[in-house]
Each structure stands twice: as C-alpha cells, then as structure tokens.
Amino acid sequence: MHRVALVFCCGLLAAVAGGVRAQNFPEKPPRFVVGFTPGGPSDILARALGQKLSDLWAQQVVIENRPGAGGNIAAELVARSAPDGTTWLLGNNSILATNQSLYSKLAYDPVKDFAPVVLVAIQPNILVVNPAVPASSVKELIALAKAKPGQLNYASSGSGAAAHLAAELFKTMAGVDIVHVPYKGAQPALTDVIAGQAQLMFATSASVIPYVKAGRLRALAVTSSQRSATVPDLPTVSEAGATGLRGFEAVTWHGVVVPRATPAALVERLNADIVKVLAMRDLRERLESLGAELAGGTPQDFADYIAREIPKWAKVVKESGARAE
C-alpha cells in the first residue's frame, strides 16, 4: 500500500514539475536541428519559424545544420539528446517516413525515438512535362504512356528522392510503364526535362512555376490532396486523373519532433507556441510565396499523419526497388 502511494506521489510530483517547466519554457536557447544544408527548403523554413519563436520568447533559437545521409545524421543526434524540450528536429517525409524503407539500417526509429510536436508545412509537387509531349492533362499523359509503354522517361533528383517515389506511386496507381532517369540533384533533372532529354518530372512548385510561366514546361497537376493556393487553377492529380488515381498524394512535408521522453507538458507548450506563430500573416505570406502551405494541428494529429505515411511509402519503395544512394 505504501509502495502504491509512493508511486502515485512521485508521478504527481513529476507532472507538477513538468507543468512548471512548461510555464518557464524555454529555460535556455533551444537547438533547432536541420538535417540538410543551409539555403534549402528545410533550412529556410526552420530559420523563418525559429526567428518568430525567438521574438515570441525573447530567447534565441539556434539553428544547427547537420546534413548527411538523407537527414539521418541529424535525426540520430536529436533522438539521443536530453529530453528537456530544448533540442528539436525539423523532420520531413524522408527522415520520418521513407528512410526507414530506403536504408538497410537506421540508428534511430522514426516512431519509437521521437515525440511528434506539430506538422509545420506541406509543399506540393507539380507534375510537369516538356511542351513537346502531346499531353495537356493527366488523362492524356496516362493514355500516351499506355500507348507507348517504356518510351517515356521521368527525371528525378536521385534514387529514393521524393520526386522518384512520387513518380513510382503514380506508375502503380495509373498502371503505366515509364522509365526512371535519376540525376544528382533536382536542378540538373529539371534542366533535362526542359531540354527534352526526359519527358516529365514531379518537382517542387517553387522550382517549376517560373518555367511554366515562361512556357518552357507544361504543368498538368499538383500532387497534394487539395488544390494549391500557389496555383489554384491547376487540378490535383487525384481529380484530374483516371479512377485509379483517386486519393493520390505525394507531397514534401515538414514537422517538428523532439526526443521521445520529453514531458508531455513541454510538448504541448511547444505545440501551442508554434501554432501561434504559424498563424502570423507575415510568416504565412513569406512561406507561401516559396510554395509552402502552413499546417498546424495537435501532436496527435502529426503522430497520426506519420503513422499513415510510413506504410504508404514502404509499399512504394518495395514495389519500385528503390534504395538510398
């Protein structure tokens, strides 16, 4: 009986302590770890968000770039960090969903080692074709691919990259045979689609919209589940394609996670403050101009989202035979 009372009291004290820490959060400058190089989409997003949180708290948020291995180096660092709420990871679909299937061995578990905080932003891709391709819609592209199996090439930024897996999901759902041509980066891949060396590509909206406006690429659809505010007249793949493409979604997403043992009170406090700054008009307008659509929601919402993404992409990876380069 005494042992039960002792356990109860310890639990109560821990909860109270967690609540006190949450009220004083953050007690020291947080580290916001990014698994990619400065200047990329993840880095830009982290710095914009970090600056707003710094202003809110009058406490500097330190951005720490730890690139390498598709974000795995940064993920392992955060997974092994103290669970005090001051070390965060800006995870994305690679780190928290697809890498588990692409790499034969990971030094972290995307579910067991992290506590989801909030889904920050989604970046839809756009399915583009070279203007010489005789297809002005997703349906026409599918018909063309079925009439010429194995004769259309799609470019990507590399094996296992988001653009590669988006196209593989498209192949499976549409029932077409198109050939993968991997490149070392998105820009050379895009350059060859513009030149006609490859016929199509799934690329980030920010990277292709200038070429679409200039007539050097033709946009067929966005890959998000709903139309994008950036290109509102462009249909989604799901609504523009055949019946087999209903429910198609292949976006780049970013969200904050912390070490799994971080007290729930700190997770909730961090979630509330991030959601608060995501609602700020200037931040929203800045990031939407770069093709990002800000999200939000609860920690559980983000946990559920990750739980849906892992098996979805594991199936695509298995069927495509993709491996990390």
Protein backbone atom coordinates (compact mmCIF):
# COMPACT_ATOMS: atom_id res chain seq x y z
CA MET A 1 0.00 0.00 0.00
CA HIS A 2 2.84 2.37 0.89
CA ARG A 3 4.56 1.48 -2.38
CA VAL A 4 1.42 2.41 -4.37
CA ALA A 5 1.16 5.72 -2.51
CA LEU A 6 4.84 6.43 -3.17
CA VAL A 7 4.47 5.74 -6.89
CA PHE A 8 1.40 7.98 -7.04
CA CYS A 9 3.19 10.83 -5.25
CA CYS A 10 6.25 10.53 -7.50
CA GLY A 11 4.03 10.65 -10.56
CA LEU A 12 2.18 13.67 -9.21
CA LEU A 13 5.43 15.49 -8.46
CA ALA A 14 6.75 14.71 -11.94
CA ALA A 15 3.56 16.10 -13.51
CA VAL A 16 3.79 19.26 -11.40
CA ALA A 17 7.46 19.67 -12.26
CA GLY A 18 6.65 19.24 -15.95
CA GLY A 19 3.96 21.90 -15.67
CA VAL A 20 6.38 24.33 -14.01
CA ARG A 21 8.99 23.72 -16.69
CA ALA A 22 6.36 24.30 -19.38
CA GLN A 23 5.43 27.66 -17.80
CA ASN A 24 9.09 28.74 -17.82
CA PHE A 25 9.78 27.32 -21.27
CA PRO A 26 12.35 27.65 -22.69
CA GLU A 27 14.87 27.78 -19.87
CA LYS A 28 17.82 28.04 -22.30
CA PRO A 29 18.29 28.75 -26.03
CA PRO A 30 16.75 25.82 -27.93
CA ARG A 31 18.66 23.97 -30.66
CA PHE A 32 16.63 23.56 -33.83
CA VAL A 33 18.43 20.84 -35.77
CA VAL A 34 18.08 20.67 -39.57
CA GLY A 35 19.25 17.61 -41.49
CA PHE A 36 20.10 19.48 -44.66
CA THR A 37 22.42 22.23 -45.90
CA PRO A 38 21.79 25.96 -45.42
CA GLY A 39 19.65 27.58 -48.09
CA GLY A 40 17.45 24.56 -48.83
CA PRO A 41 13.69 24.31 -48.15
CA SER A 42 14.12 22.75 -44.68
CA ASP A 43 16.68 25.34 -43.65
CA ILE A 44 14.62 28.29 -44.89
CA LEU A 45 11.56 27.00 -43.08
CA ALA A 46 13.45 26.35 -39.82
CA ARG A 47 15.04 29.80 -39.82
CA ALA A 48 11.76 31.58 -40.51
CA LEU A 49 9.99 29.63 -37.77
CA GLY A 50 12.92 29.94 -35.37
CA GLN A 51 13.03 33.72 -35.75
CA LYS A 52 9.34 34.07 -34.91
CA LEU A 53 9.73 31.87 -31.84
CA SER A 54 12.81 33.87 -30.78
CA ASP A 55 10.73 37.04 -30.96
CA LEU A 56 7.86 35.42 -29.04
CA TRP A 57 10.06 34.19 -26.20
CA ALA A 58 12.81 36.83 -26.22
CA GLN A 59 15.09 33.79 -26.28
CA GLN A 60 17.34 32.95 -29.21
CA VAL A 61 16.52 29.77 -31.17
CA VAL A 62 19.78 28.37 -32.54
CA ILE A 63 19.58 26.74 -35.98
CA GLU A 64 22.03 23.85 -36.26
CA ASN A 65 22.61 22.29 -39.69
CA ARG A 66 23.70 18.63 -39.56
CA PRO A 67 23.43 17.46 -43.20
CA GLY A 68 24.19 13.99 -44.47
CA ALA A 69 22.67 10.56 -45.14
CA GLY A 70 19.28 11.91 -46.14
CA GLY A 71 18.78 13.62 -42.78
CA ASN A 72 19.67 10.55 -40.74
CA ILE A 73 22.67 12.17 -39.02
CA ALA A 74 20.51 14.98 -37.63
CA ALA A 75 17.77 12.55 -36.63
CA GLU A 76 20.16 10.34 -34.64
CA LEU A 77 21.59 13.40 -32.88
CA VAL A 78 18.17 14.58 -31.72
CA ALA A 79 16.98 11.08 -30.81
CA ARG A 80 19.96 10.76 -28.43
CA SER A 81 19.62 14.27 -26.95
CA ALA A 82 18.34 15.12 -23.47
CA PRO A 83 14.51 15.11 -23.40
CA ASP A 84 14.25 18.58 -21.87
CA GLY A 85 12.35 20.27 -24.68
CA THR A 86 15.31 22.34 -25.89
CA THR A 87 16.53 20.12 -28.74
CA TRP A 88 14.18 19.82 -31.70
CA LEU A 89 14.38 18.29 -35.15
CA LEU A 90 12.72 19.66 -38.25
CA GLY A 91 11.78 16.27 -39.65
CA ASN A 92 10.39 15.69 -43.10
CA ASN A 93 8.90 12.82 -45.09
CA SER A 94 12.37 11.39 -45.76
CA ILE A 95 13.55 11.36 -42.14
CA LEU A 96 10.28 10.32 -40.53
CA ALA A 97 8.71 8.09 -43.18
CA THR A 98 10.65 6.88 -46.24
CA ASN A 99 14.21 6.45 -44.90
CA GLN A 100 13.06 3.52 -42.80
CA SER A 101 12.45 1.59 -46.02
CA LEU A 102 15.21 3.11 -48.17
CA TYR A 103 18.11 2.35 -45.80
CA SER A 104 19.02 -1.17 -44.77
CA LYS A 105 19.83 0.07 -41.26
CA LEU A 106 18.94 3.20 -39.30
CA ALA A 107 20.43 4.29 -35.97
CA TYR A 108 17.04 5.67 -34.91
CA ASP A 109 13.40 4.63 -35.07
CA PRO A 110 11.14 7.37 -36.51
CA VAL A 111 8.24 6.33 -34.26
CA LYS A 112 9.82 4.99 -31.07
CA ASP A 113 12.55 7.64 -30.71
CA PHE A 114 10.55 10.83 -31.25
CA ALA A 115 7.56 12.64 -29.80
CA PRO A 116 5.71 14.48 -32.59
CA VAL A 117 5.04 18.14 -31.84
CA VAL A 118 3.36 19.63 -34.90
CA LEU A 119 3.10 19.35 -38.67
CA VAL A 120 4.51 22.70 -39.83
CA ALA A 121 4.15 22.85 -43.60
CA ILE A 122 3.37 20.92 -46.75
CA GLN A 123 4.98 21.59 -50.12
CA PRO A 124 3.02 20.20 -53.06
CA ASN A 125 4.91 18.99 -56.08
CA ILE A 126 3.77 19.70 -59.61
CA LEU A 127 3.67 17.13 -62.42
CA VAL A 128 5.29 18.87 -65.38
CA VAL A 129 6.07 17.72 -68.92
CA ASN A 130 8.21 19.09 -71.70
CA PRO A 131 5.99 21.19 -74.02
CA ALA A 132 6.73 18.80 -76.90
CA VAL A 133 4.93 15.97 -75.07
CA PRO A 134 1.46 15.61 -76.67
CA ALA A 135 -0.43 15.65 -73.38
CA SER A 136 -2.22 18.60 -71.81
CA SER A 137 -3.81 16.72 -68.92
CA VAL A 138 -3.12 13.80 -66.61
CA LYS A 139 -5.61 11.65 -68.51
CA GLU A 140 -3.86 12.39 -71.81
CA LEU A 141 -0.47 11.61 -70.26
CA ILE A 142 -1.73 8.26 -68.97
CA ALA A 143 -3.19 7.44 -72.38
CA LEU A 144 0.11 8.35 -74.05
CA ALA A 145 2.14 6.25 -71.58
CA LYS A 146 -0.15 3.25 -72.14
CA ALA A 147 0.15 3.65 -75.91
CA LYS A 148 3.96 3.84 -75.64
CA PRO A 149 5.00 1.60 -72.71
CA GLY A 150 8.61 2.10 -71.65
CA GLN A 151 9.13 5.02 -74.05
CA LEU A 152 8.52 7.96 -71.70
CA ASN A 153 11.28 8.92 -69.27
CA TYR A 154 10.80 10.70 -65.97
CA ALA A 155 13.60 12.57 -64.25
CA SER A 156 14.24 12.76 -60.51
CA SER A 157 16.80 14.26 -58.15
CA GLY A 158 18.06 10.77 -57.29
CA SER A 159 17.04 7.24 -56.39
CA GLY A 160 14.78 7.28 -53.34
CA ALA A 161 14.19 11.03 -53.52
CA ALA A 162 10.69 12.45 -53.15
CA ALA A 163 10.40 13.08 -56.90
CA HIS A 164 11.33 9.45 -57.62
CA LEU A 165 8.85 7.97 -55.16
CA ALA A 166 6.06 10.31 -56.31
CA ALA A 167 6.50 9.02 -59.86
CA GLU A 168 6.60 5.41 -58.67
CA LEU A 169 3.33 5.92 -56.80
CA PHE A 170 1.90 7.43 -59.98
CA LYS A 171 3.10 4.45 -62.04
CA THR A 172 1.48 1.98 -59.67
CA MET A 173 -1.84 3.78 -59.33
CA ALA A 174 -2.14 4.69 -63.04
CA GLY A 175 -0.88 1.32 -64.27
CA VAL A 176 1.71 2.79 -66.65
CA ASP A 177 5.28 1.89 -67.62
CA ILE A 178 7.51 4.98 -67.56
CA VAL A 179 11.29 4.83 -67.11
CA HIS A 180 13.21 6.40 -64.24
CA VAL A 181 16.26 8.55 -65.03
CA PRO A 182 17.95 9.61 -61.77
CA TYR A 183 20.12 12.73 -61.55
CA LYS A 184 22.42 14.12 -58.89
CA GLY A 185 20.10 16.88 -57.77
CA ALA A 186 16.82 18.49 -58.76
CA GLN A 187 18.22 21.23 -60.94
CA PRO A 188 20.06 19.02 -63.48
CA ALA A 189 16.98 16.81 -63.65
CA LEU A 190 14.78 19.81 -64.35
CA THR A 191 17.24 21.13 -66.92
CA ASP A 192 16.98 17.91 -68.93
CA VAL A 193 13.17 17.93 -68.82
CA ILE A 194 13.24 21.49 -70.19
CA ALA A 195 15.70 20.35 -72.88
CA GLY A 196 13.55 17.35 -73.77
CA GLN A 197 16.08 14.70 -72.70
CA ALA A 198 13.43 13.45 -70.26
CA GLN A 199 9.73 13.94 -70.80
CA LEU A 200 8.30 14.55 -67.34
CA MET A 201 9.06 15.13 -63.67
CA PHE A 202 7.42 15.60 -60.30
CA ALA A 203 9.10 18.76 -58.96
CA THR A 204 8.58 21.29 -56.19
CA SER A 205 6.18 24.06 -57.12
CA ALA A 206 8.67 26.82 -56.31
CA SER A 207 11.26 25.34 -58.69
CA VAL A 208 9.00 24.90 -61.72
CA ILE A 209 6.47 27.74 -61.64
CA PRO A 210 8.86 30.27 -63.32
CA TYR A 211 9.47 27.80 -66.17
CA VAL A 212 5.75 27.09 -66.52
CA LYS A 213 5.01 30.81 -66.77
CA ALA A 214 7.75 31.17 -69.39
CA GLY A 215 6.28 28.34 -71.46
CA ARG A 216 9.32 26.11 -71.06
CA LEU A 217 7.36 23.48 -69.12
CA ARG A 218 3.70 22.46 -69.10
CA ALA A 219 2.07 21.89 -65.72
CA LEU A 220 -0.54 19.14 -65.59
CA ALA A 221 -1.47 18.81 -61.92
CA VAL A 222 -0.42 19.30 -58.30
CA THR A 223 0.30 16.30 -56.09
CA SER A 224 -1.46 17.46 -52.93
CA SER A 225 -4.85 16.14 -51.84
CA GLN A 226 -6.36 19.61 -52.36
CA ARG A 227 -5.62 22.36 -54.86
CA SER A 228 -2.68 24.60 -54.01
CA ALA A 229 -3.13 28.28 -53.15
CA THR A 230 0.03 28.93 -55.18
CA VAL A 231 -1.54 27.57 -58.40
CA PRO A 232 -5.28 27.46 -57.64
CA ASP A 233 -6.33 26.82 -61.26
CA LEU A 234 -4.23 23.67 -61.51
CA PRO A 235 -6.16 20.47 -60.68
CA THR A 236 -4.85 17.81 -58.33
CA VAL A 237 -3.59 14.52 -59.77
CA SER A 238 -6.45 12.85 -57.94
CA GLU A 239 -9.19 14.92 -59.58
CA ALA A 240 -7.52 15.21 -63.00
CA GLY A 241 -6.56 11.58 -63.49
CA ALA A 242 -8.37 8.32 -64.08
CA THR A 243 -10.32 6.46 -61.40
CA GLY A 244 -7.17 4.62 -60.27
CA LEU A 245 -5.60 7.88 -59.12
CA ARG A 246 -8.31 8.81 -56.61
CA GLY A 247 -6.64 9.70 -53.34
CA PHE A 248 -3.20 10.28 -54.91
CA GLU A 249 -0.99 12.43 -52.67
CA ALA A 250 2.78 12.84 -52.82
CA VAL A 251 3.96 15.98 -51.05
CA THR A 252 7.04 17.12 -49.19
CA TRP A 253 6.12 17.80 -45.58
CA HIS A 254 7.97 19.23 -42.59
CA GLY A 255 7.24 18.91 -38.90
CA VAL A 256 8.86 19.35 -35.50
CA VAL A 257 9.70 16.37 -33.30
CA VAL A 258 11.60 16.08 -30.01
CA PRO A 259 13.17 13.14 -28.13
CA ARG A 260 10.52 10.60 -27.13
CA ALA A 261 10.89 11.03 -23.33
CA THR A 262 10.22 14.78 -23.45
CA PRO A 263 7.48 15.57 -20.86
CA ALA A 264 4.02 15.93 -22.38
CA ALA A 265 3.62 19.39 -20.83
CA LEU A 266 6.65 20.65 -22.76
CA VAL A 267 5.44 19.07 -25.99
CA GLU A 268 2.05 20.74 -25.58
CA ARG A 269 3.63 24.12 -24.78
CA LEU A 270 5.90 23.94 -27.82
CA ASN A 271 2.98 22.89 -29.99
CA ALA A 272 0.85 25.82 -28.78
CA ASP A 273 3.59 28.37 -29.44
CA ILE A 274 4.44 27.04 -32.90
CA VAL A 275 0.76 27.01 -33.87
CA LYS A 276 0.56 30.61 -32.63
CA VAL A 277 3.39 31.82 -34.87
CA LEU A 278 2.16 29.79 -37.85
CA ALA A 279 -0.99 31.92 -37.73
CA MET A 280 1.02 35.14 -38.16
CA ARG A 281 0.18 36.68 -41.52
CA ASP A 282 3.71 37.82 -42.44
CA LEU A 283 5.19 34.36 -41.82
CA ARG A 284 2.39 32.68 -43.75
CA GLU A 285 2.74 35.05 -46.72
CA ARG A 286 6.52 34.65 -46.82
CA LEU A 287 6.45 30.86 -46.80
CA GLU A 288 3.50 30.59 -49.16
CA SER A 289 5.48 32.67 -51.66
CA LEU A 290 8.04 29.84 -51.60
CA GLY A 291 5.40 27.21 -52.30
CA ALA A 292 4.88 26.04 -48.72
CA GLU A 293 1.40 25.68 -47.24
CA LEU A 294 1.42 26.06 -43.45
CA ALA A 295 -0.30 23.34 -41.44
CA GLY A 296 -0.63 23.18 -37.63
CA GLY A 297 -2.80 20.87 -35.55
CA THR A 298 -2.11 18.86 -32.41
CA PRO A 299 0.77 16.49 -31.57
CA GLN A 300 -1.64 13.59 -32.06
CA ASP A 301 -2.64 14.90 -35.48
CA PHE A 302 1.01 14.83 -36.52
CA ALA A 303 1.56 11.37 -34.99
CA ASP A 304 -1.41 10.05 -36.97
CA TYR A 305 -0.08 11.64 -40.16
CA ILE A 306 3.33 9.98 -39.74
CA ALA A 307 1.64 6.66 -38.99
CA ARG A 308 -0.18 6.83 -42.34
CA GLU A 309 2.88 7.91 -44.32
CA ILE A 310 5.27 5.13 -43.23
CA PRO A 311 3.36 2.11 -44.63
CA LYS A 312 2.23 4.05 -47.69
CA TRP A 313 5.80 4.76 -48.80
CA ALA A 314 7.16 1.42 -47.60
CA LYS A 315 4.88 -0.19 -50.17
CA VAL A 316 6.07 2.17 -52.91
CA VAL A 317 9.73 1.58 -52.04
CA LYS A 318 9.27 -2.20 -52.04
CA GLU A 319 7.45 -2.26 -55.37
CA SER A 320 9.92 0.11 -57.04
CA GLY A 321 13.07 -1.49 -55.62
CA ALA A 322 14.34 1.98 -54.69
CA ARG A 323 17.40 2.28 -52.48
CA ALA A 324 19.14 5.30 -50.99
CA GLU A 325 22.19 6.45 -52.93
